[in-house]
Amino acid sequence: MKCPKCGKPIEKGQERCTRCGARVPTQAKKRSGAPGVVAVVLILLLLCAAGILLLRLRHTAEAPSPEPGTEMAEEAPSAEPSAPTATPSPEELYAPVLEAYRDYERRGGGLENWYGEEEDNLVHAGLTGVTRVGVQYRDLDHDGVPELIIAPYYTAEEYAASDWLRPGDYSANIVMDLYTLRDGKPVHVLLSGDRYRHTLTTDGHIYYSGSGGAAYSDACLYDFVDGELKFLEGVCIDGSEDRTFQLNSDGDSSHESDTPISYEEYQLRMQRLFRYTEDLLEPLELEPLTP
């Protein structure tokens, strides 16, 4: 190193020049700051990465776990809603019977198969003087399937011209034919004729009354359950006053399974059942089959 004033060589550690006395500048050690800056930057980067990692771990821990089986549900495409299936109307369900009765009207009505001997015949008309019929759809057994009621249909003019026929009377509300549905097909349940008749009752039963002459008559009460008649009770006189019975079924013509009762008891029970032809009679609500 030389003196900055006179140029004389200066020894190491010499503070002044021996020639001119000028102060010799202190020799500072050269240091490079680059390694320290790099270290600081690396530390900051590591701290940032650690912070991001901690935030992600915390978010994952707080997020609710999906329900089992739903992981793929969100990704699955939504299915298109299926078109609703059209429910057939009662007219469509009972179409064969209705068409058979329309043909019956076209032929002029009258008595036809009133004992039901011809099973394939859909018309069971056993009431005299019927030329037109009306229909009513009603779910009698409350299973969601309406039954088809067929009955004589009288116009207002016919009621006005009759001396004995009234809209709410027993004779004007006879169920001439009753059908239900099984496996989507009409099935015959009961029929009425001039000597045996069925009517609906206000307490949810079906009333039957029949007569085979002056010395024979019976009356029964039924429920309609699961598309079939269910016998409830009945009484009968068979030929004479000493042959009166409490009916325990509706199919024993010999009365071997029935209970004998006195004639007085028979009369009392018949009187009680007779209410179903008057105050307990439910009038039908008919629509004409043919307008």
C-alpha atoms as a PDB file:
ATOM      1  CA  MET A   1       0.000   0.000   0.000  1.00  0.00           C
ATOM      2  CA  LYS A   2       1.327   3.541  -0.742  1.00  0.00           C
ATOM      3  CA  CYS A   3       0.719   6.880   0.928  1.00  0.00           C
ATOM      4  CA  PRO A   4      -2.105   8.623  -0.845  1.00  0.00           C
ATOM      5  CA  LYS A   5      -0.228  11.971  -0.526  1.00  0.00           C
ATOM      6  CA  CYS A   6       3.410  11.354  -1.325  1.00  0.00           C
ATOM      7  CA  GLY A   7       3.383   7.833  -2.679  1.00  0.00           C
ATOM      8  CA  LYS A   8       5.826   6.334  -0.209  1.00  0.00           C
ATOM      9  CA  PRO A   9       5.280   2.696   0.510  1.00  0.00           C
ATOM     10  CA  ILE A  10       3.426   2.138   3.760  1.00  0.00           C
ATOM     11  CA  GLU A  11       4.054  -0.855   5.956  1.00  0.00           C
ATOM     12  CA  LYS A  12       1.272  -3.002   7.209  1.00  0.00           C
ATOM     13  CA  GLY A  13      -0.172  -1.642  10.417  1.00  0.00           C
ATOM     14  CA  GLN A  14       1.435   1.842   9.875  1.00  0.00           C
ATOM     15  CA  GLU A  15      -0.993   4.649  10.728  1.00  0.00           C
ATOM     16  CA  ARG A  16       0.981   7.655   9.315  1.00  0.00           C
ATOM     17  CA  CYS A  17       3.357   8.152   6.426  1.00  0.00           C
ATOM     18  CA  THR A  18       6.962   8.490   7.672  1.00  0.00           C
ATOM     19  CA  ARG A  19       7.756  10.891   4.851  1.00  0.00           C
ATOM     20  CA  CYS A  20       4.924  13.379   4.840  1.00  0.00           C
ATOM     21  CA  GLY A  21       3.129  12.482   8.026  1.00  0.00           C
ATOM     22  CA  ALA A  22      -0.214  11.953   6.248  1.00  0.00           C
ATOM     23  CA  ARG A  23      -2.702   9.608   7.948  1.00  0.00           C
ATOM     24  CA  VAL A  24      -2.904   6.274   6.334  1.00  0.00           C
ATOM     25  CA  PRO A  25      -6.563   5.105   5.628  1.00  0.00           C
ATOM     26  CA  THR A  26      -7.667   2.089   7.617  1.00  0.00           C
ATOM     27  CA  GLN A  27      -7.834  -1.045   5.466  1.00  0.00           C
ATOM     28  CA  ALA A  28     -11.374  -2.456   5.808  1.00  0.00           C
ATOM     29  CA  LYS A  29     -11.947  -6.131   5.157  1.00  0.00           C
ATOM     30  CA  LYS A  30     -14.025  -6.847   2.107  1.00  0.00           C
ATOM     31  CA  ARG A  31     -17.152  -8.853   2.860  1.00  0.00           C
ATOM     32  CA  SER A  32     -19.651 -10.206   0.494  1.00  0.00           C
ATOM     33  CA  GLY A  33     -23.345  -9.851   1.608  1.00  0.00           C
ATOM     34  CA  ALA A  34     -24.697 -12.311  -0.953  1.00  0.00           C
ATOM     35  CA  PRO A  35     -24.583 -15.454   1.233  1.00  0.00           C
ATOM     36  CA  GLY A  36     -26.554 -13.778   4.033  1.00  0.00           C
ATOM     37  CA  VAL A  37     -29.279 -12.511   1.720  1.00  0.00           C
ATOM     38  CA  VAL A  38     -29.728 -15.948   0.172  1.00  0.00           C
ATOM     39  CA  ALA A  39     -30.088 -17.527   3.590  1.00  0.00           C
ATOM     40  CA  VAL A  40     -32.736 -15.031   4.655  1.00  0.00           C
ATOM     41  CA  VAL A  41     -34.744 -15.632   1.462  1.00  0.00           C
ATOM     42  CA  LEU A  42     -34.618 -19.403   1.929  1.00  0.00           C
ATOM     43  CA  ILE A  43     -35.810 -19.116   5.526  1.00  0.00           C
ATOM     44  CA  LEU A  44     -38.754 -16.906   4.442  1.00  0.00           C
ATOM     45  CA  LEU A  45     -39.727 -19.374   1.695  1.00  0.00           C
ATOM     46  CA  LEU A  46     -39.649 -22.272   4.122  1.00  0.00           C
ATOM     47  CA  LEU A  47     -41.831 -20.381   6.585  1.00  0.00           C
ATOM     48  CA  CYS A  48     -44.394 -19.561   3.847  1.00  0.00           C
ATOM     49  CA  ALA A  49     -44.521 -23.185   2.668  1.00  0.00           C
ATOM     50  CA  ALA A  50     -44.981 -24.393   6.240  1.00  0.00           C
ATOM     51  CA  GLY A  51     -47.829 -21.902   6.766  1.00  0.00           C
ATOM     52  CA  ILE A  52     -49.652 -22.998   3.603  1.00  0.00           C
ATOM     53  CA  LEU A  53     -49.304 -26.642   4.595  1.00  0.00           C
ATOM     54  CA  LEU A  54     -50.726 -25.953   8.067  1.00  0.00           C
ATOM     55  CA  LEU A  55     -53.724 -24.091   6.590  1.00  0.00           C
ATOM     56  CA  ARG A  56     -54.522 -26.998   4.258  1.00  0.00           C
ATOM     57  CA  LEU A  57     -54.278 -29.540   7.045  1.00  0.00           C
ATOM     58  CA  ARG A  58     -56.595 -27.456   9.235  1.00  0.00           C
ATOM     59  CA  HIS A  59     -59.184 -27.064   6.437  1.00  0.00           C
ATOM     60  CA  THR A  60     -59.162 -30.821   5.781  1.00  0.00           C
ATOM     61  CA  ALA A  61     -59.667 -31.603   9.474  1.00  0.00           C
ATOM     62  CA  GLU A  62     -62.638 -29.195   9.812  1.00  0.00           C
ATOM     63  CA  ALA A  63     -64.456 -30.301   6.624  1.00  0.00           C
ATOM     64  CA  PRO A  64     -67.376 -32.760   7.277  1.00  0.00           C
ATOM     65  CA  SER A  65     -66.873 -36.296   6.038  1.00  0.00           C
ATOM     66  CA  PRO A  66     -69.246 -37.380   3.235  1.00  0.00           C
ATOM     67  CA  GLU A  67     -71.942 -39.932   4.052  1.00  0.00           C
ATOM     68  CA  PRO A  68     -71.064 -43.491   3.050  1.00  0.00           C
ATOM     69  CA  GLY A  69     -72.117 -44.234  -0.488  1.00  0.00           C
ATOM     70  CA  THR A  70     -72.510 -40.551  -1.436  1.00  0.00           C
ATOM     71  CA  GLU A  71     -68.999 -39.950  -2.748  1.00  0.00           C
ATOM     72  CA  MET A  72     -70.118 -40.804  -6.283  1.00  0.00           C
ATOM     73  CA  ALA A  73     -73.633 -39.421  -5.957  1.00  0.00           C
ATOM     74  CA  GLU A  74     -72.591 -35.853  -6.695  1.00  0.00           C
ATOM     75  CA  GLU A  75     -70.712 -36.900  -9.799  1.00  0.00           C
ATOM     76  CA  ALA A  76     -73.461 -39.170 -11.148  1.00  0.00           C
ATOM     77  CA  PRO A  77     -75.666 -37.451 -13.736  1.00  0.00           C
ATOM     78  CA  SER A  78     -79.237 -36.871 -12.611  1.00  0.00           C
ATOM     79  CA  ALA A  79     -81.700 -39.309 -14.121  1.00  0.00           C
ATOM     80  CA  GLU A  80     -84.443 -37.930 -16.299  1.00  0.00           C
ATOM     81  CA  PRO A  81     -87.873 -38.112 -14.580  1.00  0.00           C
ATOM     82  CA  SER A  82     -89.958 -40.924 -15.996  1.00  0.00           C
ATOM     83  CA  ALA A  83     -93.271 -40.065 -17.577  1.00  0.00           C
ATOM     84  CA  PRO A  84     -96.249 -40.769 -15.291  1.00  0.00           C
ATOM     85  CA  THR A  85     -98.215 -43.889 -16.124  1.00  0.00           C
ATOM     86  CA  ALA A  86    -101.756 -43.087 -17.143  1.00  0.00           C
ATOM     87  CA  THR A  87    -104.368 -44.720 -14.902  1.00  0.00           C
ATOM     88  CA  PRO A  88    -107.243 -46.259 -16.879  1.00  0.00           C
ATOM     89  CA  SER A  89    -110.628 -44.699 -16.217  1.00  0.00           C
ATOM     90  CA  PRO A  90    -113.517 -46.823 -14.859  1.00  0.00           C
ATOM     91  CA  GLU A  91    -115.103 -46.633 -18.307  1.00  0.00           C
ATOM     92  CA  GLU A  92    -111.992 -48.217 -19.807  1.00  0.00           C
ATOM     93  CA  LEU A  93    -111.720 -50.865 -17.087  1.00  0.00           C
ATOM     94  CA  TYR A  94    -115.321 -51.998 -17.476  1.00  0.00           C
ATOM     95  CA  ALA A  95    -115.550 -51.404 -21.228  1.00  0.00           C
ATOM     96  CA  PRO A  96    -116.676 -54.984 -22.149  1.00  0.00           C
ATOM     97  CA  VAL A  97    -119.569 -54.893 -19.651  1.00  0.00           C
ATOM     98  CA  LEU A  98    -120.645 -51.405 -20.668  1.00  0.00           C
ATOM     99  CA  GLU A  99    -120.662 -52.322 -24.340  1.00  0.00           C
ATOM    100  CA  ALA A 100    -122.693 -55.458 -23.611  1.00  0.00           C
ATOM    101  CA  TYR A 101    -125.298 -53.354 -21.803  1.00  0.00           C
ATOM    102  CA  ARG A 102    -125.375 -50.797 -24.615  1.00  0.00           C
ATOM    103  CA  ASP A 103    -126.203 -53.648 -26.939  1.00  0.00           C
ATOM    104  CA  TYR A 104    -128.847 -54.768 -24.402  1.00  0.00           C
ATOM    105  CA  GLU A 105    -130.452 -51.325 -24.622  1.00  0.00           C
ATOM    106  CA  ARG A 106    -130.308 -51.375 -28.430  1.00  0.00           C
ATOM    107  CA  ARG A 107    -132.211 -54.670 -28.365  1.00  0.00           C
ATOM    108  CA  GLY A 108    -134.961 -53.069 -26.276  1.00  0.00           C
ATOM    109  CA  GLY A 109    -133.980 -54.336 -22.818  1.00  0.00           C
ATOM    110  CA  GLY A 110    -136.127 -56.860 -20.937  1.00  0.00           C
ATOM    111  CA  LEU A 111    -135.348 -60.070 -19.047  1.00  0.00           C
ATOM    112  CA  GLU A 112    -132.047 -61.736 -19.970  1.00  0.00           C
ATOM    113  CA  ASN A 113    -129.973 -64.377 -18.169  1.00  0.00           C
ATOM    114  CA  TRP A 114    -131.454 -63.343 -14.820  1.00  0.00           C
ATOM    115  CA  TYR A 115    -130.222 -66.475 -13.051  1.00  0.00           C
ATOM    116  CA  GLY A 116    -126.751 -66.176 -14.536  1.00  0.00           C
ATOM    117  CA  GLU A 117    -126.701 -69.609 -16.173  1.00  0.00           C
ATOM    118  CA  GLU A 118    -124.632 -68.324 -19.103  1.00  0.00           C
ATOM    119  CA  GLU A 119    -121.358 -67.371 -17.464  1.00  0.00           C
ATOM    120  CA  ASP A 120    -119.960 -65.685 -20.575  1.00  0.00           C
ATOM    121  CA  ASN A 121    -122.961 -63.389 -20.821  1.00  0.00           C
ATOM    122  CA  LEU A 122    -122.058 -60.030 -19.278  1.00  0.00           C
ATOM    123  CA  VAL A 123    -125.690 -58.935 -19.012  1.00  0.00           C
ATOM    124  CA  HIS A 124    -127.737 -60.270 -16.075  1.00  0.00           C
ATOM    125  CA  ALA A 125    -131.016 -58.405 -16.387  1.00  0.00           C
ATOM    126  CA  GLY A 126    -133.796 -59.960 -14.301  1.00  0.00           C
ATOM    127  CA  LEU A 127    -136.116 -57.035 -13.634  1.00  0.00           C
ATOM    128  CA  THR A 128    -139.272 -56.705 -15.692  1.00  0.00           C
ATOM    129  CA  GLY A 129    -139.804 -53.568 -17.741  1.00  0.00           C
ATOM    130  CA  VAL A 130    -136.199 -52.332 -17.825  1.00  0.00           C
ATOM    131  CA  THR A 131    -135.331 -50.654 -21.127  1.00  0.00           C
ATOM    132  CA  ARG A 132    -132.535 -48.318 -20.010  1.00  0.00           C
ATOM    133  CA  VAL A 133    -129.852 -48.700 -17.390  1.00  0.00           C
ATOM    134  CA  GLY A 134    -127.720 -46.304 -15.398  1.00  0.00           C
ATOM    135  CA  VAL A 135    -124.247 -46.812 -13.987  1.00  0.00           C
ATOM    136  CA  GLN A 136    -122.439 -45.783 -10.828  1.00  0.00           C
ATOM    137  CA  TYR A 137    -118.778 -46.338  -9.972  1.00  0.00           C
ATOM    138  CA  ARG A 138    -118.176 -46.784  -6.277  1.00  0.00           C
ATOM    139  CA  ASP A 139    -115.398 -48.335  -4.205  1.00  0.00           C
ATOM    140  CA  LEU A 140    -117.570 -50.551  -1.999  1.00  0.00           C
ATOM    141  CA  ASP A 141    -114.735 -52.405  -0.267  1.00  0.00           C
ATOM    142  CA  HIS A 142    -112.415 -49.377  -0.002  1.00  0.00           C
ATOM    143  CA  ASP A 143    -109.486 -51.018  -1.772  1.00  0.00           C
ATOM    144  CA  GLY A 144    -108.921 -48.192  -4.242  1.00  0.00           C
ATOM    145  CA  VAL A 145    -110.697 -49.986  -7.110  1.00  0.00           C
ATOM    146  CA  PRO A 146    -114.224 -48.822  -7.989  1.00  0.00           C
ATOM    147  CA  GLU A 147    -116.987 -51.359  -8.484  1.00  0.00           C
ATOM    148  CA  LEU A 148    -119.497 -51.023 -11.318  1.00  0.00           C
ATOM    149  CA  ILE A 149    -123.144 -50.773 -10.278  1.00  0.00           C
ATOM    150  CA  ILE A 150    -125.767 -51.251 -12.975  1.00  0.00           C
ATOM    151  CA  ALA A 151    -129.381 -50.413 -12.214  1.00  0.00           C
ATOM    152  CA  PRO A 152    -132.594 -49.452 -14.018  1.00  0.00           C
ATOM    153  CA  TYR A 153    -132.518 -45.818 -15.086  1.00  0.00           C
ATOM    154  CA  TYR A 154    -135.758 -43.854 -14.919  1.00  0.00           C
ATOM    155  CA  THR A 155    -136.246 -40.377 -16.339  1.00  0.00           C
ATOM    156  CA  ALA A 156    -138.113 -37.561 -14.614  1.00  0.00           C
ATOM    157  CA  GLU A 157    -141.000 -38.098 -17.048  1.00  0.00           C
ATOM    158  CA  GLU A 158    -141.189 -41.797 -16.115  1.00  0.00           C
ATOM    159  CA  TYR A 159    -141.301 -40.947 -12.422  1.00  0.00           C
ATOM    160  CA  ALA A 160    -144.027 -38.397 -13.033  1.00  0.00           C
ATOM    161  CA  ALA A 161    -146.108 -40.866 -15.051  1.00  0.00           C
ATOM    162  CA  SER A 162    -145.842 -43.677 -12.475  1.00  0.00           C
ATOM    163  CA  ASP A 163    -148.276 -44.193  -9.616  1.00  0.00           C
ATOM    164  CA  TRP A 164    -145.851 -46.281  -7.523  1.00  0.00           C
ATOM    165  CA  LEU A 165    -142.296 -45.365  -8.570  1.00  0.00           C
ATOM    166  CA  ARG A 166    -140.441 -42.636  -6.660  1.00  0.00           C
ATOM    167  CA  PRO A 167    -136.732 -41.677  -6.913  1.00  0.00           C
ATOM    168  CA  GLY A 168    -135.875 -42.539  -3.289  1.00  0.00           C
ATOM    169  CA  ASP A 169    -138.024 -45.665  -3.002  1.00  0.00           C
ATOM    170  CA  TYR A 170    -136.787 -49.212  -2.614  1.00  0.00           C
ATOM    171  CA  SER A 171    -138.041 -50.328  -6.049  1.00  0.00           C
ATOM    172  CA  ALA A 172    -136.246 -47.465  -7.796  1.00  0.00           C
ATOM    173  CA  ASN A 173    -132.829 -48.310  -6.332  1.00  0.00           C
ATOM    174  CA  ILE A 174    -132.341 -52.000  -7.062  1.00  0.00           C
ATOM    175  CA  VAL A 175    -128.782 -53.032  -7.910  1.00  0.00           C
ATOM    176  CA  MET A 176    -129.518 -55.052 -11.041  1.00  0.00           C
ATOM    177  CA  ASP A 177    -125.897 -56.069 -11.648  1.00  0.00           C
ATOM    178  CA  LEU A 178    -122.637 -55.595  -9.746  1.00  0.00           C
ATOM    179  CA  TYR A 179    -119.116 -56.062 -11.096  1.00  0.00           C
ATOM    180  CA  THR A 180    -115.690 -55.735  -9.525  1.00  0.00           C
ATOM    181  CA  LEU A 181    -112.158 -56.001 -10.942  1.00  0.00           C
ATOM    182  CA  ARG A 182    -109.682 -58.834 -10.430  1.00  0.00           C
ATOM    183  CA  ASP A 183    -106.342 -58.737 -12.191  1.00  0.00           C
ATOM    184  CA  GLY A 184    -107.690 -55.854 -14.238  1.00  0.00           C
ATOM    185  CA  LYS A 185    -110.689 -57.813 -15.574  1.00  0.00           C
ATOM    186  CA  PRO A 186    -114.409 -57.380 -14.756  1.00  0.00           C
ATOM    187  CA  VAL A 187    -115.787 -60.105 -12.476  1.00  0.00           C
ATOM    188  CA  HIS A 188    -119.499 -60.563 -11.781  1.00  0.00           C
ATOM    189  CA  VAL A 189    -120.546 -60.342  -8.113  1.00  0.00           C
ATOM    190  CA  LEU A 190    -124.352 -60.329  -7.854  1.00  0.00           C
ATOM    191  CA  LEU A 191    -127.578 -59.786  -9.781  1.00  0.00           C
ATOM    192  CA  SER A 192    -131.187 -59.014  -8.950  1.00  0.00           C
ATOM    193  CA  GLY A 193    -134.492 -60.224 -10.343  1.00  0.00           C
ATOM    194  CA  ASP A 194    -138.202 -59.678  -9.804  1.00  0.00           C
ATOM    195  CA  ARG A 195    -138.236 -62.137  -6.856  1.00  0.00           C
ATOM    196  CA  TYR A 196    -134.806 -61.384  -5.328  1.00  0.00           C
ATOM    197  CA  ARG A 197    -133.259 -57.964  -4.983  1.00  0.00           C
ATOM    198  CA  HIS A 198    -130.156 -56.243  -3.676  1.00  0.00           C
ATOM    199  CA  THR A 199    -129.845 -52.689  -2.428  1.00  0.00           C
ATOM    200  CA  LEU A 200    -127.156 -50.595  -0.770  1.00  0.00           C
ATOM    201  CA  THR A 201    -127.566 -49.479   2.828  1.00  0.00           C
ATOM    202  CA  THR A 202    -126.630 -46.253   4.582  1.00  0.00           C
ATOM    203  CA  ASP A 203    -124.455 -48.155   7.097  1.00  0.00           C
ATOM    204  CA  GLY A 204    -122.242 -49.687   4.405  1.00  0.00           C
ATOM    205  CA  HIS A 205    -123.900 -53.095   3.865  1.00  0.00           C
ATOM    206  CA  ILE A 206    -125.719 -54.802   1.011  1.00  0.00           C
ATOM    207  CA  TYR A 207    -129.281 -55.884   1.769  1.00  0.00           C
ATOM    208  CA  TYR A 208    -130.916 -58.849   0.069  1.00  0.00           C
ATOM    209  CA  SER A 209    -134.556 -59.868   0.129  1.00  0.00           C
ATOM    210  CA  GLY A 210    -136.144 -62.748  -1.748  1.00  0.00           C
ATOM    211  CA  SER A 211    -139.440 -64.523  -2.059  1.00  0.00           C
ATOM    212  CA  GLY A 212    -140.353 -67.841  -3.598  1.00  0.00           C
ATOM    213  CA  GLY A 213    -144.066 -67.436  -2.861  1.00  0.00           C
ATOM    214  CA  ALA A 214    -146.436 -66.695   0.024  1.00  0.00           C
ATOM    215  CA  ALA A 215    -144.836 -69.354   2.251  1.00  0.00           C
ATOM    216  CA  TYR A 216    -141.213 -68.699   1.405  1.00  0.00           C
ATOM    217  CA  SER A 217    -139.147 -65.560   1.949  1.00  0.00           C
ATOM    218  CA  ASP A 218    -135.771 -64.649   3.317  1.00  0.00           C
ATOM    219  CA  ALA A 219    -133.735 -61.550   4.076  1.00  0.00           C
ATOM    220  CA  CYS A 220    -129.963 -61.273   4.480  1.00  0.00           C
ATOM    221  CA  LEU A 221    -127.340 -58.706   5.190  1.00  0.00           C
ATOM    222  CA  TYR A 222    -123.883 -58.737   3.568  1.00  0.00           C
ATOM    223  CA  ASP A 223    -120.621 -56.889   3.672  1.00  0.00           C
ATOM    224  CA  PHE A 224    -118.520 -56.423   0.566  1.00  0.00           C
ATOM    225  CA  VAL A 225    -114.920 -57.314   1.461  1.00  0.00           C
ATOM    226  CA  ASP A 226    -111.934 -57.880  -0.858  1.00  0.00           C
ATOM    227  CA  GLY A 227    -114.166 -58.019  -3.903  1.00  0.00           C
ATOM    228  CA  GLU A 228    -116.574 -60.629  -2.496  1.00  0.00           C
ATOM    229  CA  LEU A 229    -119.837 -60.786  -0.577  1.00  0.00           C
ATOM    230  CA  LYS A 230    -119.444 -61.713   3.074  1.00  0.00           C
ATOM    231  CA  PHE A 231    -122.581 -63.080   4.760  1.00  0.00           C
ATOM    232  CA  LEU A 232    -123.471 -61.348   8.045  1.00  0.00           C
ATOM    233  CA  GLU A 233    -126.938 -62.454   9.104  1.00  0.00           C
ATOM    234  CA  GLY A 234    -130.317 -63.544   7.802  1.00  0.00           C
ATOM    235  CA  VAL A 235    -133.701 -65.164   8.511  1.00  0.00           C
ATOM    236  CA  CYS A 236    -135.977 -67.389   6.489  1.00  0.00           C
ATOM    237  CA  ILE A 237    -139.441 -68.949   6.437  1.00  0.00           C
ATOM    238  CA  ASP A 238    -139.567 -72.138   4.398  1.00  0.00           C
ATOM    239  CA  GLY A 239    -143.062 -73.412   3.669  1.00  0.00           C
ATOM    240  CA  SER A 240    -144.844 -72.888   6.972  1.00  0.00           C
ATOM    241  CA  GLU A 241    -144.739 -71.048  10.291  1.00  0.00           C
ATOM    242  CA  ASP A 242    -143.091 -74.010  12.004  1.00  0.00           C
ATOM    243  CA  ARG A 243    -140.161 -73.872   9.599  1.00  0.00           C
ATOM    244  CA  THR A 244    -138.511 -70.547  10.405  1.00  0.00           C
ATOM    245  CA  PHE A 245    -134.753 -70.230  10.733  1.00  0.00           C
ATOM    246  CA  GLN A 246    -131.920 -68.007  11.660  1.00  0.00           C
ATOM    247  CA  LEU A 247    -129.644 -68.337   8.649  1.00  0.00           C
ATOM    248  CA  ASN A 248    -126.013 -69.071   9.452  1.00  0.00           C
ATOM    249  CA  SER A 249    -124.947 -69.008   5.797  1.00  0.00           C
ATOM    250  CA  ASP A 250    -126.533 -68.163   2.477  1.00  0.00           C
ATOM    251  CA  GLY A 251    -126.044 -71.437   0.638  1.00  0.00           C
ATOM    252  CA  ASP A 252    -127.812 -74.118   2.691  1.00  0.00           C
ATOM    253  CA  SER A 253    -131.191 -74.707   1.081  1.00  0.00           C
ATOM    254  CA  SER A 254    -131.827 -77.691   3.368  1.00  0.00           C
ATOM    255  CA  HIS A 255    -131.223 -75.508   6.472  1.00  0.00           C
ATOM    256  CA  GLU A 256    -129.209 -78.271   8.141  1.00  0.00           C
ATOM    257  CA  SER A 257    -126.655 -75.721   9.327  1.00  0.00           C
ATOM    258  CA  ASP A 258    -129.255 -73.061  10.224  1.00  0.00           C
ATOM    259  CA  THR A 259    -130.793 -72.444  13.621  1.00  0.00           C
ATOM    260  CA  PRO A 260    -134.563 -73.004  14.041  1.00  0.00           C
ATOM    261  CA  ILE A 261    -136.383 -70.070  15.637  1.00  0.00           C
ATOM    262  CA  SER A 262    -140.001 -69.390  16.513  1.00  0.00           C
ATOM    263  CA  TYR A 263    -142.309 -67.699  14.071  1.00  0.00           C
ATOM    264  CA  GLU A 264    -142.565 -64.715  16.444  1.00  0.00           C
ATOM    265  CA  GLU A 265    -138.783 -64.397  16.531  1.00  0.00           C
ATOM    266  CA  TYR A 266    -138.720 -64.620  12.756  1.00  0.00           C
ATOM    267  CA  GLN A 267    -141.227 -61.759  12.487  1.00  0.00           C
ATOM    268  CA  LEU A 268    -139.209 -59.583  14.876  1.00  0.00           C
ATOM    269  CA  ARG A 269    -136.006 -60.143  12.937  1.00  0.00           C
ATOM    270  CA  MET A 270    -137.706 -59.541   9.601  1.00  0.00           C
ATOM    271  CA  GLN A 271    -139.130 -56.304  10.962  1.00  0.00           C
ATOM    272  CA  ARG A 272    -135.662 -55.169  12.013  1.00  0.00           C
ATOM    273  CA  LEU A 273    -134.178 -56.061   8.628  1.00  0.00           C
ATOM    274  CA  PHE A 274    -137.086 -54.385   6.857  1.00  0.00           C
ATOM    275  CA  ARG A 275    -135.611 -51.029   7.878  1.00  0.00           C
ATOM    276  CA  TYR A 276    -133.106 -51.509   5.065  1.00  0.00           C
ATOM    277  CA  THR A 277    -135.899 -51.011   2.550  1.00  0.00           C
ATOM    278  CA  GLU A 278    -136.905 -47.672   4.088  1.00  0.00           C
ATOM    279  CA  ASP A 279    -134.904 -45.438   6.426  1.00  0.00           C
ATOM    280  CA  LEU A 280    -131.620 -47.374   5.967  1.00  0.00           C
ATOM    281  CA  LEU A 281    -131.901 -47.554   2.165  1.00  0.00           C
ATOM    282  CA  GLU A 282    -129.192 -45.688   0.293  1.00  0.00           C
ATOM    283  CA  PRO A 283    -130.405 -44.270  -3.038  1.00  0.00           C
ATOM    284  CA  LEU A 284    -128.186 -44.825  -6.058  1.00  0.00           C
ATOM    285  CA  GLU A 285    -126.522 -41.949  -7.896  1.00  0.00           C
ATOM    286  CA  LEU A 286    -126.812 -43.087 -11.504  1.00  0.00           C
ATOM    287  CA  GLU A 287    -125.645 -41.684 -14.792  1.00  0.00           C
ATOM    288  CA  PRO A 288    -127.421 -42.946 -17.912  1.00  0.00           C
ATOM    289  CA  LEU A 289    -125.336 -45.477 -19.820  1.00  0.00           C
ATOM    290  CA  THR A 290    -126.529 -43.973 -23.099  1.00  0.00           C
ATOM    291  CA  PRO A 291    -127.025 -40.185 -23.124  1.00  0.00           C
END
